Protein backbone atom coordinates (compact mmCIF):
# COMPACT_ATOMS: atom_id res chain seq x y z
CA UNK A 1 0.28 -31.84 40.07
CA UNK A 2 1.48 -30.17 36.93
CA UNK A 3 -0.76 -29.08 34.07
CA UNK A 4 -0.90 -31.23 30.95
CA UNK A 5 1.99 -30.66 28.57
CA UNK A 6 1.33 -27.91 26.05
CA UNK A 7 -1.78 -26.63 27.82
CA UNK A 8 -1.33 -23.20 29.34
CA UNK A 9 -3.62 -22.64 32.34
CA UNK A 10 -5.83 -19.57 32.18
CA UNK A 11 -5.05 -16.56 34.35
CA UNK A 12 -6.86 -16.45 37.68
CA UNK A 13 -6.84 -13.26 39.72
CA UNK A 14 -7.36 -12.85 43.41
CA UNK A 15 -6.36 -11.54 46.82
CA UNK A 16 -4.60 -13.16 49.75
CA UNK A 17 -5.98 -11.47 52.86
CA UNK A 18 -3.43 -11.38 55.68
CA UNK A 19 -2.91 -9.48 58.91
CA UNK A 20 -2.74 -9.79 62.70
CA UNK A 21 -5.51 -11.55 64.67
CA UNK A 22 -8.67 -9.49 65.00
CA UNK A 23 -7.79 -7.07 62.21
CA UNK A 24 -10.98 -7.90 60.28
CA UNK A 25 -9.77 -10.38 57.64
CA UNK A 26 -12.84 -12.60 57.70
CA UNK A 27 -15.19 -9.60 57.79
CA UNK A 28 -13.26 -8.13 54.85
CA UNK A 29 -13.63 -11.35 52.86
CA UNK A 30 -17.35 -11.42 53.53
CA UNK A 31 -17.79 -7.76 52.57
CA UNK A 32 -15.57 -8.02 49.48
CA UNK A 33 -17.36 -11.17 48.34
CA UNK A 34 -20.73 -9.41 48.50
CA UNK A 35 -19.32 -6.26 46.87
CA UNK A 36 -17.70 -8.10 43.96
CA UNK A 37 -20.79 -10.26 43.44
CA UNK A 38 -22.86 -7.09 43.01
CA UNK A 39 -20.29 -5.91 40.45
CA UNK A 40 -20.87 -9.10 38.46
CA UNK A 41 -17.69 -10.99 39.29
CA UNK A 42 -17.81 -14.71 40.08
CA UNK A 43 -16.15 -14.86 43.48
CA UNK A 44 -14.70 -17.87 45.26
CA UNK A 45 -13.62 -17.58 48.90
CA UNK A 46 -10.94 -20.00 50.07
CA UNK A 47 -10.57 -20.42 53.84
CA UNK A 48 -6.84 -20.96 54.47
CA UNK A 49 -7.15 -20.65 58.26
CA UNK A 50 -7.36 -24.07 59.99
CA UNK A 51 -8.50 -22.32 63.18
CA UNK A 52 -11.39 -20.45 61.50
CA UNK A 53 -14.73 -21.78 62.72
CA UNK A 54 -18.26 -20.54 62.08
CA UNK A 55 -17.47 -18.76 58.81
CA UNK A 56 -19.93 -15.92 58.01
CA UNK A 57 -19.46 -16.25 54.24
CA UNK A 58 -20.09 -18.99 51.68
CA UNK A 59 -16.84 -20.93 51.49
CA UNK A 60 -16.05 -22.85 48.29
CA UNK A 61 -12.77 -24.38 49.53
CA UNK A 62 -12.12 -24.94 53.24
CA UNK A 63 -8.67 -25.96 54.44
CA UNK A 64 -10.21 -27.46 57.60
CA UNK A 65 -11.28 -30.41 55.42
CA UNK A 66 -7.57 -31.20 55.18
CA UNK A 67 -6.30 -30.18 58.62
CA UNK A 68 -7.68 -28.37 61.68
CA UNK A 69 -5.82 -26.62 64.48
CA UNK A 70 -7.74 -28.45 67.22
CA UNK A 71 -6.77 -31.86 65.82
CA UNK A 72 -3.10 -30.86 65.58
CA UNK A 73 -3.03 -29.42 69.10
CA UNK A 74 -4.69 -32.51 70.54
CA UNK A 75 -2.72 -35.07 68.52
CA UNK A 76 0.76 -33.52 68.75
CA UNK A 77 0.35 -31.73 72.10
CA UNK A 78 1.23 -28.35 70.60
CA UNK A 79 0.10 -24.90 71.64
CA UNK A 80 -1.95 -22.66 69.33
CA UNK A 81 1.09 -20.94 67.79
CA UNK A 82 3.12 -24.09 67.18
CA UNK A 83 -0.01 -25.89 66.02
CA UNK A 84 -0.79 -23.25 63.42
CA UNK A 85 2.79 -23.36 62.10
CA UNK A 86 2.49 -27.14 61.75
CA UNK A 87 -0.87 -26.79 59.96
CA UNK A 88 0.58 -24.49 57.30
CA UNK A 89 3.58 -26.79 56.84
CA UNK A 90 1.10 -29.65 56.37
CA UNK A 91 -0.80 -27.66 53.76
CA UNK A 92 2.47 -26.90 51.96
CA UNK A 93 3.25 -30.63 51.88
CA UNK A 94 -0.20 -31.43 50.46
CA UNK A 95 -0.58 -28.81 47.76
CA UNK A 96 -2.02 -31.41 45.36
CA UNK A 97 -5.17 -31.46 47.54
CA UNK A 98 -5.49 -27.67 47.19
CA UNK A 99 -4.80 -27.80 43.45
CA UNK A 100 -7.57 -30.34 42.86
CA UNK A 101 -10.02 -28.19 44.85
CA UNK A 102 -9.11 -25.00 42.97
CA UNK A 103 -9.34 -26.69 39.55
CA UNK A 104 -13.12 -26.72 39.92
CA UNK A 105 -13.20 -22.91 39.73
CA UNK A 106 -11.29 -21.88 36.63
CA UNK A 107 -13.07 -18.65 35.67
CA UNK A 108 -13.53 -17.05 39.09
CA UNK A 109 -12.00 -14.31 41.23
CA UNK A 110 -10.41 -15.69 44.41
CA UNK A 111 -10.28 -14.44 47.99
CA UNK A 112 -7.88 -16.38 50.22
CA UNK A 113 -8.73 -15.84 53.91
CA UNK A 114 -5.40 -16.53 55.62
CA UNK A 115 -4.47 -17.20 59.28
CA UNK A 116 -3.79 -14.33 61.65
CA UNK A 117 -0.41 -15.33 63.07
CA UNK A 118 2.15 -12.62 62.30
CA UNK A 119 5.16 -14.98 62.26
CA UNK A 120 3.71 -16.76 59.22
CA UNK A 121 4.31 -13.61 57.14
CA UNK A 122 7.51 -12.26 58.70
CA UNK A 123 9.67 -15.31 59.55
CA UNK A 124 8.23 -18.69 58.56
CA UNK A 125 8.31 -19.73 54.90
CA UNK A 126 5.36 -22.12 54.49
CA UNK A 127 2.77 -19.48 53.59
CA UNK A 128 5.26 -17.76 51.26
CA UNK A 129 5.89 -21.09 49.51
CA UNK A 130 2.16 -21.69 49.17
CA UNK A 131 1.76 -18.28 47.50
CA UNK A 132 4.71 -19.06 45.21
CA UNK A 133 3.09 -22.33 44.14
CA UNK A 134 -0.19 -20.55 43.44
CA UNK A 135 1.72 -18.16 41.16
CA UNK A 136 3.12 -21.18 39.29
CA UNK A 137 -0.48 -22.32 38.74
CA UNK A 138 -1.05 -18.98 36.99
CA UNK A 139 -2.71 -17.18 39.88
CA UNK A 140 -2.13 -13.41 39.81
CA UNK A 141 -2.42 -12.44 43.45
CA UNK A 142 -2.09 -9.30 45.54
CA UNK A 143 -1.50 -9.42 49.29
CA UNK A 144 -4.08 -7.37 51.19
CA UNK A 145 -2.57 -6.68 54.60
CA UNK A 146 -5.09 -5.44 57.18
CA UNK A 147 -4.18 -3.63 60.40
CA UNK A 148 -6.46 -1.89 62.90
CA UNK A 149 -6.75 1.82 62.19
CA UNK A 150 -6.91 2.76 65.87
CA UNK A 151 -3.16 2.04 66.13
CA UNK A 152 -2.70 5.44 64.46
CA UNK A 153 -3.77 7.08 67.70
CA UNK A 154 -0.73 5.62 69.51
CA UNK A 155 2.62 6.69 67.96
CA UNK A 156 4.51 3.70 69.43
CA UNK A 157 2.00 1.18 68.11
CA UNK A 158 1.90 2.89 64.72
CA UNK A 159 5.69 2.58 64.36
CA UNK A 160 5.35 -1.10 65.31
CA UNK A 161 2.66 -1.51 62.64
CA UNK A 162 4.94 0.11 60.06
CA UNK A 163 7.78 -2.27 60.94
CA UNK A 164 5.49 -5.30 60.76
CA UNK A 165 4.02 -4.15 57.44
CA UNK A 166 7.46 -3.55 55.93
CA UNK A 167 8.75 -6.93 57.12
CA UNK A 168 5.66 -8.66 55.69
CA UNK A 169 6.03 -6.92 52.33
CA UNK A 170 9.67 -7.98 52.02
CA UNK A 171 9.06 -11.57 53.15
CA UNK A 172 5.85 -12.45 51.28
CA UNK A 173 7.14 -11.06 47.96
CA UNK A 174 3.74 -10.28 46.43
CA UNK A 175 2.22 -7.03 45.15
CA UNK A 176 1.06 -5.48 48.39
CA UNK A 177 -1.82 -3.27 49.53
CA UNK A 178 -1.80 -2.20 53.18
CA UNK A 179 -5.22 -1.46 54.64
CA UNK A 180 -6.23 0.55 57.71
CA UNK A 181 -9.35 -1.38 58.67
CA UNK A 182 -12.27 -0.36 60.93
CA UNK A 183 -12.00 3.31 60.02
CA UNK A 184 -15.24 4.02 61.86
CA UNK A 185 -13.38 3.12 65.10
CA UNK A 186 -10.14 4.99 64.38
CA UNK A 187 -10.41 7.35 67.37
CA UNK A 188 -11.89 4.79 69.75
CA UNK A 189 -8.75 4.73 71.91
CA UNK A 190 -7.47 8.28 71.43
CA UNK A 191 -7.19 11.29 69.15
CA UNK A 192 -4.93 11.43 66.12
CA UNK A 193 -1.92 13.72 66.47
CA UNK A 194 -1.96 14.62 62.76
CA UNK A 195 -4.26 14.56 59.76
CA UNK A 196 -5.20 11.16 58.40
CA UNK A 197 -3.07 11.54 55.26
CA UNK A 198 0.03 11.74 57.50
CA UNK A 199 -0.64 8.11 58.44
CA UNK A 200 -1.92 6.77 55.12
CA UNK A 201 1.02 8.22 53.16
CA UNK A 202 3.52 7.66 56.02
CA UNK A 203 4.95 11.16 55.85
CA UNK A 204 8.00 12.51 57.71
CA UNK A 205 8.16 10.32 60.83
CA UNK A 206 10.35 12.87 62.60
CA UNK A 207 7.18 14.65 63.71
CA UNK A 208 5.83 11.39 65.10
CA UNK A 209 9.08 10.74 66.98
CA UNK A 210 8.91 14.18 68.58
CA UNK A 211 5.34 13.45 69.61
CA UNK A 212 6.45 10.09 71.00
CA UNK A 213 9.31 11.66 72.97
CA UNK A 214 6.76 13.59 75.03
CA UNK A 215 6.02 10.31 76.83
CA UNK A 216 8.58 9.82 79.64
CA UNK A 217 8.62 6.04 79.10
CA UNK A 218 9.55 6.29 75.41
CA UNK A 219 11.95 9.21 75.81
CA UNK A 220 14.83 6.90 76.78
CA UNK A 221 14.22 4.85 73.58
CA UNK A 222 14.39 7.89 71.32
CA UNK A 223 17.51 6.74 69.44
CA UNK A 224 16.04 3.27 68.86
CA UNK A 225 12.78 4.75 67.57
CA UNK A 226 14.78 7.13 65.39
CA UNK A 227 16.65 4.23 63.74
CA UNK A 228 13.42 2.27 63.20
CA UNK A 229 11.88 5.32 61.53
CA UNK A 230 14.97 5.66 59.31
CA UNK A 231 14.64 2.04 58.16
CA UNK A 232 10.96 2.54 57.29
CA UNK A 233 11.65 5.76 55.40
CA UNK A 234 14.75 4.42 53.63
CA UNK A 235 12.70 1.60 52.09
CA UNK A 236 9.80 4.01 51.45
CA UNK A 237 7.43 1.14 50.62
CA UNK A 238 4.69 1.37 53.22
CA UNK A 239 1.48 3.32 52.67
CA UNK A 240 -2.11 2.62 53.64
CA UNK A 241 -5.59 2.71 52.14
CA UNK A 242 -8.33 3.51 54.70
CA UNK A 243 -11.26 1.06 54.80
CA UNK A 244 -14.69 0.80 56.32
CA UNK A 245 -16.25 -2.40 54.98
CA UNK A 246 -19.76 -0.94 55.32
CA UNK A 247 -18.92 2.09 53.15
CA UNK A 248 -19.28 1.65 49.38
CA UNK A 249 -16.85 4.46 48.45
CA UNK A 250 -14.24 3.01 50.78
CA UNK A 251 -14.59 -0.43 49.20
CA UNK A 252 -14.24 1.08 45.72
CA UNK A 253 -10.95 2.77 46.69
CA UNK A 254 -9.57 -0.49 48.08
CA UNK A 255 -10.69 -2.49 45.04
CA UNK A 256 -9.01 0.00 42.69
CA UNK A 257 -5.73 -0.37 44.56
CA UNK A 258 -5.96 -4.18 44.58
CA UNK A 259 -6.97 -4.46 40.90
CA UNK A 260 -3.98 -2.33 40.00
CA UNK A 261 -1.67 -4.44 42.20
CA UNK A 262 -2.64 -7.87 40.85
CA UNK A 263 -3.11 -6.66 37.26
CA UNK A 264 -6.83 -7.38 37.03
CA UNK A 265 -7.54 -3.90 35.62
CA UNK A 266 -5.31 -4.68 32.62
CA UNK A 267 -7.03 -7.98 31.76
CA UNK A 268 -10.01 -8.71 29.55
CA UNK A 269 -12.33 -10.48 31.97
CA UNK A 270 -14.83 -7.62 31.96
CA UNK A 271 -15.44 -4.35 30.13
CA UNK A 272 -13.11 -1.62 31.28
CA UNK A 273 -12.93 2.13 31.08
CA UNK A 274 -9.89 3.24 29.04
CA UNK A 275 -9.30 6.28 31.24
CA UNK A 276 -9.20 4.09 34.37
CA UNK A 277 -6.72 1.73 32.73
CA UNK A 278 -4.44 4.57 31.64
CA UNK A 279 -4.51 6.20 35.06
CA UNK A 280 -3.53 2.88 36.62
CA UNK A 281 -0.75 2.44 34.08
CA UNK A 282 0.87 5.80 34.84
CA UNK A 283 0.14 5.61 38.56
CA UNK A 284 -2.19 8.63 38.56
CA UNK A 285 -4.18 7.32 41.48
CA UNK A 286 -4.95 10.56 43.29
CA UNK A 287 -6.31 9.62 46.72
CA UNK A 288 -5.78 12.92 48.52
CA UNK A 289 -9.40 14.04 48.13
CA UNK A 290 -10.70 10.62 49.11
CA UNK A 291 -8.49 10.65 52.23
CA UNK A 292 -9.87 14.06 53.17
CA UNK A 293 -13.37 12.67 52.73
CA UNK A 294 -12.59 9.75 55.04
CA UNK A 295 -11.11 12.12 57.62
CA UNK A 296 -14.16 14.37 57.58
CA UNK A 297 -16.38 11.34 58.08
CA UNK A 298 -14.58 9.52 60.87
CA UNK A 299 -12.12 11.92 62.54
CA UNK A 300 -13.30 14.70 64.81
CA UNK A 301 -11.76 18.09 64.04
CA UNK A 302 -10.19 20.03 66.89
CA UNK A 303 -10.93 23.48 65.49
CA UNK A 304 -7.35 24.58 66.23
CA UNK A 305 -5.09 26.34 63.78
CA UNK A 306 -1.88 24.74 62.49
CA UNK A 307 0.16 27.17 64.59
CA UNK A 308 -1.67 26.15 67.76
CA UNK A 309 -1.14 22.44 67.04
CA UNK A 310 2.56 23.01 66.37
CA UNK A 311 2.93 24.96 69.61
CA UNK A 312 1.39 22.05 71.53
CA UNK A 313 3.86 19.64 69.91
């Protein structure tokens, strides 16, 4: 499995796309593959989900050639959750198969479309070990964690999303970019209580807790919610980049964040703008104006003053 002695493998950059079921991982991979191809990058998509059928994108490496969820469920009499855990353990035990497949694409940019079971990224270690082995093969990866943007409209669900995102960041141990996907549907299930930047930058959650306490059901869990919010804010790691796959400007913002996270913008695989490199180096990635632009496009304004909104809260 190891490289020949004395031969240093070339750097290979990419993204591991993770997130809950239905968060848009496969759609993101398809959109990002097309977007990067138009930018001139040679893109390889690797399907790491043994339950993924009918892929909409061109797949160079498909894990279902090694193991499929249906075969595991039928052969070992496991349910879908246990079967998927077994599949990823099987992949971990057969990394030489994956290495031989990836060797064919040495000068490409990689998109790993991963399974959608949350436990794989918060508790179980197989996927983490797979990512660690990829790093040993000189892959420079960033985890792109997608969650549905409409969870912002429900304070309880948004706090749950923050906890899941934080747990995933700490467990996976990769440079991390959290994405609010499906921005065009953000207010499908309700209005946002605050401006969009409150959610993308995860500002003072005290305001969100007060909003949550207005619900009689959650009022009795106020102290629990307060402690969860303290944990999230004490780590101060979670923030989000809004995304609509069909919007070019939105894809550019996400790609900038990912290229900075995995180090691609500091490499020499394509011509780069010095100003962009320096801004990435010092962290001058001002997204406030872009967030306002996203809000104006997808979030309906109430027309109320700040004082009126505060009085309602």
